[in-house]
Amino acid sequence: QVQLVESGGGLGRPGGSLQLSCQVSENIFNFNDVGWYRQAPGKERELVAVINVGARTTYADSVKDRFTISRDNAKNTVYLQMNSLRISDTAVYYCYLWSVVRGELWGQGTQVTVSS
């Protein structure tokens, strides 16, 4: 069973930065897509950023030019660098994996709260 362990959430200030990490218990090359989704209170879960096995990235319009997704294949870890934080970035952030064989896999989520 694949395990996804998220870390790095917490309290951030408007205009500040946080970095999320997702440690995966197996080789992330086994997955076509790895990335992050988020869910704010009362809202549906939404895509934040995804990076595929070829390192192609996709970002939500709301985070473009502020967030950067990356992957360290040697460490089987996916990162989300979040800069220029906004109050509207407050949400639970979920690590996400997808492959044709395994389908979707989700982490347990890490809370990010942006507040002054």
N, C-alpha and C. Protein backbone atom coordinates (compact mmCIF):
# COMPACT_ATOMS: atom_id res chain seq x y z
N GLN A 1 0.84 -1.19 0.00
CA GLN A 1 0.00 0.00 0.00
C GLN A 1 0.88 1.24 0.00
N VAL A 2 0.60 2.13 -0.93
CA VAL A 2 1.39 3.35 -1.04
C VAL A 2 1.02 4.30 0.09
N GLN A 3 2.02 4.89 0.69
CA GLN A 3 1.77 5.89 1.73
C GLN A 3 2.25 7.25 1.25
N LEU A 4 1.45 8.27 1.52
CA LEU A 4 1.77 9.64 1.19
C LEU A 4 1.78 10.42 2.50
N VAL A 5 2.89 11.01 2.83
CA VAL A 5 3.01 11.76 4.08
C VAL A 5 3.30 13.21 3.76
N GLU A 6 2.33 14.05 4.07
CA GLU A 6 2.45 15.49 3.80
C GLU A 6 3.02 16.20 5.02
N SER A 7 3.76 17.26 4.76
CA SER A 7 4.28 18.09 5.84
C SER A 7 4.47 19.51 5.32
N GLY A 8 4.65 20.44 6.26
CA GLY A 8 4.96 21.81 5.89
C GLY A 8 3.80 22.78 5.99
N GLY A 9 2.62 22.28 6.31
CA GLY A 9 1.50 23.20 6.47
C GLY A 9 1.63 24.00 7.75
N GLY A 10 0.67 24.88 7.95
CA GLY A 10 0.69 25.70 9.16
C GLY A 10 0.18 27.09 8.88
N LEU A 11 0.66 28.03 9.67
CA LEU A 11 0.21 29.41 9.56
C LEU A 11 1.18 30.22 8.72
N GLY A 12 0.65 30.92 7.74
CA GLY A 12 1.45 31.81 6.92
C GLY A 12 0.85 33.21 6.94
N ARG A 13 1.67 34.17 6.64
CA ARG A 13 1.21 35.57 6.61
C ARG A 13 0.92 35.99 5.18
N PRO A 14 0.01 36.89 4.97
CA PRO A 14 -0.20 37.42 3.61
C PRO A 14 1.10 37.98 3.06
N GLY A 15 1.42 37.56 1.86
CA GLY A 15 2.68 37.97 1.25
C GLY A 15 3.86 37.09 1.61
N GLY A 16 3.66 36.18 2.53
CA GLY A 16 4.73 35.29 2.97
C GLY A 16 4.82 34.02 2.16
N SER A 17 5.60 33.07 2.67
CA SER A 17 5.87 31.83 1.95
C SER A 17 5.73 30.62 2.87
N LEU A 18 5.34 29.52 2.27
CA LEU A 18 5.37 28.21 2.92
C LEU A 18 5.77 27.18 1.87
N GLN A 19 6.35 26.08 2.34
CA GLN A 19 6.65 24.99 1.43
C GLN A 19 6.02 23.71 1.96
N LEU A 20 5.28 23.04 1.10
CA LEU A 20 4.70 21.75 1.43
C LEU A 20 5.55 20.64 0.82
N SER A 21 5.60 19.52 1.52
CA SER A 21 6.31 18.35 1.02
C SER A 21 5.40 17.14 1.10
N CYS A 22 5.55 16.23 0.16
CA CYS A 22 4.81 14.98 0.16
C CYS A 22 5.80 13.85 -0.08
N GLN A 23 6.04 13.08 0.96
CA GLN A 23 6.96 11.94 0.87
C GLN A 23 6.14 10.71 0.49
N VAL A 24 6.55 10.07 -0.59
CA VAL A 24 5.84 8.89 -1.10
C VAL A 24 6.66 7.64 -0.79
N SER A 25 5.97 6.57 -0.42
CA SER A 25 6.66 5.37 0.06
C SER A 25 7.20 4.49 -1.06
N GLU A 26 6.98 4.86 -2.32
CA GLU A 26 7.57 4.12 -3.41
C GLU A 26 7.99 5.06 -4.51
N ASN A 27 8.60 4.51 -5.53
CA ASN A 27 9.16 5.31 -6.61
C ASN A 27 8.07 6.13 -7.31
N ILE A 28 8.24 7.44 -7.30
CA ILE A 28 7.19 8.28 -7.91
C ILE A 28 7.19 8.19 -9.44
N PHE A 29 8.20 7.56 -10.01
CA PHE A 29 8.16 7.31 -11.45
C PHE A 29 7.07 6.30 -11.81
N ASN A 30 6.55 5.62 -10.80
CA ASN A 30 5.45 4.68 -11.05
C ASN A 30 4.14 5.39 -11.34
N PHE A 31 4.14 6.72 -11.15
CA PHE A 31 2.92 7.49 -11.30
C PHE A 31 3.05 8.50 -12.43
N ASN A 32 1.98 8.60 -13.25
CA ASN A 32 2.02 9.53 -14.37
C ASN A 32 2.00 10.97 -13.88
N ASP A 33 1.14 11.22 -12.90
CA ASP A 33 0.98 12.57 -12.36
C ASP A 33 1.17 12.55 -10.85
N VAL A 34 1.83 13.58 -10.35
CA VAL A 34 1.89 13.82 -8.91
C VAL A 34 1.60 15.30 -8.71
N GLY A 35 0.96 15.63 -7.61
CA GLY A 35 0.66 17.04 -7.42
C GLY A 35 -0.11 17.34 -6.16
N TRP A 36 -0.78 18.48 -6.20
CA TRP A 36 -1.47 19.01 -5.03
C TRP A 36 -2.86 19.52 -5.43
N TYR A 37 -3.82 19.21 -4.58
CA TYR A 37 -5.15 19.78 -4.64
C TYR A 37 -5.40 20.48 -3.32
N ARG A 38 -6.43 21.29 -3.27
CA ARG A 38 -6.80 21.92 -2.00
C ARG A 38 -8.31 22.03 -1.89
N GLN A 39 -8.75 22.12 -0.64
CA GLN A 39 -10.18 22.28 -0.39
C GLN A 39 -10.36 23.29 0.73
N ALA A 40 -11.02 24.38 0.39
CA ALA A 40 -11.35 25.41 1.37
C ALA A 40 -12.71 25.11 2.00
N PRO A 41 -12.97 25.62 3.17
CA PRO A 41 -14.26 25.36 3.83
C PRO A 41 -15.43 25.74 2.94
N GLY A 42 -16.36 24.82 2.78
CA GLY A 42 -17.56 25.09 1.99
C GLY A 42 -17.37 25.05 0.49
N LYS A 43 -16.17 24.66 0.05
CA LYS A 43 -15.88 24.63 -1.39
C LYS A 43 -15.47 23.23 -1.82
N GLU A 44 -15.51 22.99 -3.12
CA GLU A 44 -15.08 21.71 -3.65
C GLU A 44 -13.56 21.66 -3.72
N ARG A 45 -13.05 20.43 -3.72
CA ARG A 45 -11.61 20.25 -3.89
C ARG A 45 -11.22 20.70 -5.28
N GLU A 46 -10.09 21.41 -5.36
CA GLU A 46 -9.67 21.96 -6.66
C GLU A 46 -8.19 21.69 -6.89
N LEU A 47 -7.84 21.60 -8.15
CA LEU A 47 -6.44 21.42 -8.54
C LEU A 47 -5.64 22.65 -8.17
N VAL A 48 -4.46 22.44 -7.62
CA VAL A 48 -3.52 23.53 -7.39
C VAL A 48 -2.39 23.43 -8.42
N ALA A 49 -1.71 22.31 -8.44
CA ALA A 49 -0.60 22.13 -9.37
C ALA A 49 -0.32 20.64 -9.52
N VAL A 50 0.05 20.27 -10.73
CA VAL A 50 0.40 18.88 -11.03
C VAL A 50 1.66 18.88 -11.88
N ILE A 51 2.51 17.89 -11.66
CA ILE A 51 3.69 17.70 -12.49
C ILE A 51 3.68 16.26 -12.97
N ASN A 52 3.90 16.05 -14.26
CA ASN A 52 3.83 14.69 -14.76
C ASN A 52 5.23 14.06 -14.85
N VAL A 53 5.26 12.82 -15.30
CA VAL A 53 6.51 12.08 -15.31
C VAL A 53 7.54 12.73 -16.22
N GLY A 54 7.07 13.51 -17.20
CA GLY A 54 7.99 14.24 -18.08
C GLY A 54 8.31 15.63 -17.58
N ALA A 55 7.92 15.93 -16.35
CA ALA A 55 8.18 17.23 -15.70
C ALA A 55 7.35 18.36 -16.28
N ARG A 56 6.30 18.04 -17.00
CA ARG A 56 5.39 19.08 -17.48
C ARG A 56 4.48 19.48 -16.32
N THR A 57 4.29 20.78 -16.15
CA THR A 57 3.52 21.29 -15.01
C THR A 57 2.21 21.93 -15.46
N THR A 58 1.23 21.84 -14.60
CA THR A 58 -0.06 22.50 -14.78
C THR A 58 -0.41 23.20 -13.48
N TYR A 59 -0.86 24.44 -13.59
CA TYR A 59 -1.21 25.22 -12.41
C TYR A 59 -2.62 25.79 -12.54
N ALA A 60 -3.28 25.92 -11.40
CA ALA A 60 -4.52 26.68 -11.38
C ALA A 60 -4.20 28.14 -11.66
N ASP A 61 -5.10 28.83 -12.34
CA ASP A 61 -4.86 30.24 -12.67
C ASP A 61 -4.61 31.07 -11.40
N SER A 62 -5.27 30.70 -10.32
CA SER A 62 -5.18 31.49 -9.10
C SER A 62 -3.81 31.41 -8.43
N VAL A 63 -2.99 30.42 -8.82
CA VAL A 63 -1.68 30.29 -8.16
C VAL A 63 -0.51 30.48 -9.13
N LYS A 64 -0.80 30.65 -10.40
CA LYS A 64 0.29 30.85 -11.38
C LYS A 64 1.15 32.03 -10.97
N ASP A 65 2.42 31.87 -11.16
CA ASP A 65 3.44 32.88 -10.86
C ASP A 65 3.63 33.10 -9.37
N ARG A 66 2.93 32.33 -8.54
CA ARG A 66 3.14 32.42 -7.08
C ARG A 66 3.60 31.08 -6.50
N PHE A 67 3.06 29.99 -7.02
CA PHE A 67 3.38 28.66 -6.51
C PHE A 67 4.25 27.93 -7.53
N THR A 68 5.13 27.07 -7.02
CA THR A 68 5.97 26.25 -7.89
C THR A 68 5.95 24.82 -7.40
N ILE A 69 5.62 23.90 -8.29
CA ILE A 69 5.65 22.48 -7.95
C ILE A 69 6.94 21.88 -8.49
N SER A 70 7.50 20.96 -7.71
CA SER A 70 8.72 20.28 -8.16
C SER A 70 8.72 18.87 -7.58
N ARG A 71 9.59 18.05 -8.15
CA ARG A 71 9.70 16.68 -7.66
C ARG A 71 11.16 16.30 -7.53
N ASP A 72 11.48 15.59 -6.47
CA ASP A 72 12.82 15.05 -6.28
C ASP A 72 12.69 13.54 -6.40
N ASN A 73 13.03 13.03 -7.56
CA ASN A 73 12.82 11.61 -7.81
C ASN A 73 13.68 10.73 -6.92
N ALA A 74 14.85 11.20 -6.57
CA ALA A 74 15.73 10.41 -5.71
C ALA A 74 15.15 10.25 -4.31
N LYS A 75 14.40 11.25 -3.88
CA LYS A 75 13.80 11.22 -2.53
C LYS A 75 12.33 10.81 -2.56
N ASN A 76 11.80 10.57 -3.75
CA ASN A 76 10.38 10.25 -3.89
C ASN A 76 9.50 11.27 -3.18
N THR A 77 9.82 12.52 -3.43
CA THR A 77 9.14 13.61 -2.74
C THR A 77 8.67 14.66 -3.74
N VAL A 78 7.50 15.18 -3.48
CA VAL A 78 6.93 16.25 -4.28
C VAL A 78 6.82 17.48 -3.40
N TYR A 79 7.18 18.63 -3.94
CA TYR A 79 7.16 19.87 -3.18
C TYR A 79 6.20 20.87 -3.80
N LEU A 80 5.68 21.74 -2.96
CA LEU A 80 4.91 22.88 -3.43
C LEU A 80 5.43 24.10 -2.70
N GLN A 81 6.14 24.94 -3.43
CA GLN A 81 6.64 26.19 -2.88
C GLN A 81 5.56 27.25 -3.10
N MET A 82 5.09 27.82 -2.02
CA MET A 82 4.00 28.80 -2.09
C MET A 82 4.52 30.16 -1.65
N ASN A 83 4.56 31.09 -2.58
CA ASN A 83 5.02 32.45 -2.30
C ASN A 83 3.86 33.43 -2.46
N SER A 84 4.07 34.63 -1.97
CA SER A 84 3.04 35.68 -2.08
C SER A 84 1.68 35.18 -1.63
N LEU A 85 1.67 34.56 -0.47
CA LEU A 85 0.45 33.95 0.04
C LEU A 85 -0.68 34.96 0.18
N ARG A 86 -1.89 34.46 -0.06
CA ARG A 86 -3.10 35.26 0.09
C ARG A 86 -4.02 34.57 1.10
N ILE A 87 -4.89 35.35 1.69
CA ILE A 87 -5.85 34.77 2.62
C ILE A 87 -6.69 33.71 1.92
N SER A 88 -6.94 33.92 0.64
CA SER A 88 -7.74 32.98 -0.15
C SER A 88 -7.03 31.65 -0.40
N ASP A 89 -5.74 31.56 -0.06
CA ASP A 89 -5.02 30.29 -0.17
C ASP A 89 -5.30 29.37 1.02
N THR A 90 -5.99 29.87 2.01
CA THR A 90 -6.33 29.06 3.18
C THR A 90 -7.17 27.86 2.76
N ALA A 91 -6.69 26.66 3.11
CA ALA A 91 -7.38 25.44 2.71
C ALA A 91 -6.62 24.24 3.29
N VAL A 92 -7.22 23.08 3.17
CA VAL A 92 -6.50 21.84 3.40
C VAL A 92 -5.90 21.43 2.08
N TYR A 93 -4.60 21.17 2.07
CA TYR A 93 -3.88 20.80 0.86
C TYR A 93 -3.61 19.29 0.87
N TYR A 94 -3.93 18.66 -0.26
CA TYR A 94 -3.82 17.21 -0.39
C TYR A 94 -2.79 16.85 -1.45
N CYS A 95 -1.91 15.96 -1.10
CA CYS A 95 -1.00 15.38 -2.07
C CYS A 95 -1.77 14.37 -2.92
N TYR A 96 -1.42 14.28 -4.18
CA TYR A 96 -2.19 13.51 -5.16
C TYR A 96 -1.25 12.74 -6.07
N LEU A 97 -1.56 11.49 -6.30
CA LEU A 97 -0.84 10.66 -7.26
C LEU A 97 -1.85 10.03 -8.20
N TRP A 98 -1.44 9.83 -9.45
CA TRP A 98 -2.31 9.15 -10.39
C TRP A 98 -1.48 8.29 -11.35
N SER A 99 -1.96 7.09 -11.57
CA SER A 99 -1.39 6.27 -12.62
C SER A 99 -2.52 5.48 -13.26
N VAL A 100 -2.28 4.98 -14.46
CA VAL A 100 -3.27 4.17 -15.16
C VAL A 100 -3.60 2.92 -14.36
N VAL A 101 -2.57 2.34 -13.75
CA VAL A 101 -2.75 1.08 -13.02
C VAL A 101 -3.41 1.31 -11.67
N ARG A 102 -2.93 2.33 -10.93
CA ARG A 102 -3.38 2.52 -9.54
C ARG A 102 -4.58 3.45 -9.41
N GLY A 103 -4.82 4.27 -10.43
CA GLY A 103 -5.86 5.28 -10.29
C GLY A 103 -5.39 6.42 -9.41
N GLU A 104 -6.30 7.03 -8.69
CA GLU A 104 -5.99 8.17 -7.83
C GLU A 104 -5.64 7.72 -6.41
N LEU A 105 -4.61 8.34 -5.87
CA LEU A 105 -4.24 8.13 -4.48
C LEU A 105 -4.11 9.48 -3.81
N TRP A 106 -4.55 9.56 -2.57
CA TRP A 106 -4.58 10.85 -1.87
C TRP A 106 -3.89 10.75 -0.51
N GLY A 107 -3.24 11.85 -0.14
CA GLY A 107 -2.74 11.98 1.20
C GLY A 107 -3.85 12.39 2.14
N GLN A 108 -3.52 12.48 3.42
CA GLN A 108 -4.53 12.82 4.42
C GLN A 108 -4.80 14.30 4.51
N GLY A 109 -3.94 15.10 3.93
CA GLY A 109 -4.15 16.54 3.93
C GLY A 109 -3.37 17.27 5.00
N THR A 110 -2.97 18.48 4.67
CA THR A 110 -2.29 19.34 5.64
C THR A 110 -2.92 20.73 5.58
N GLN A 111 -3.20 21.29 6.74
CA GLN A 111 -3.89 22.57 6.81
C GLN A 111 -2.92 23.72 6.55
N VAL A 112 -3.32 24.61 5.67
CA VAL A 112 -2.60 25.86 5.45
C VAL A 112 -3.55 27.00 5.78
N THR A 113 -3.15 27.85 6.69
CA THR A 113 -3.96 29.00 7.08
C THR A 113 -3.15 30.26 6.86
N VAL A 114 -3.70 31.17 6.08
CA VAL A 114 -3.03 32.44 5.81
C VAL A 114 -3.82 33.53 6.51
N SER A 115 -3.15 34.17 7.43
CA SER A 115 -3.83 35.18 8.24
C SER A 115 -2.82 36.19 8.76
N SER A 116 -3.27 37.41 8.90
CA SER A 116 -2.40 38.44 9.48
C SER A 116 -2.58 38.49 11.00
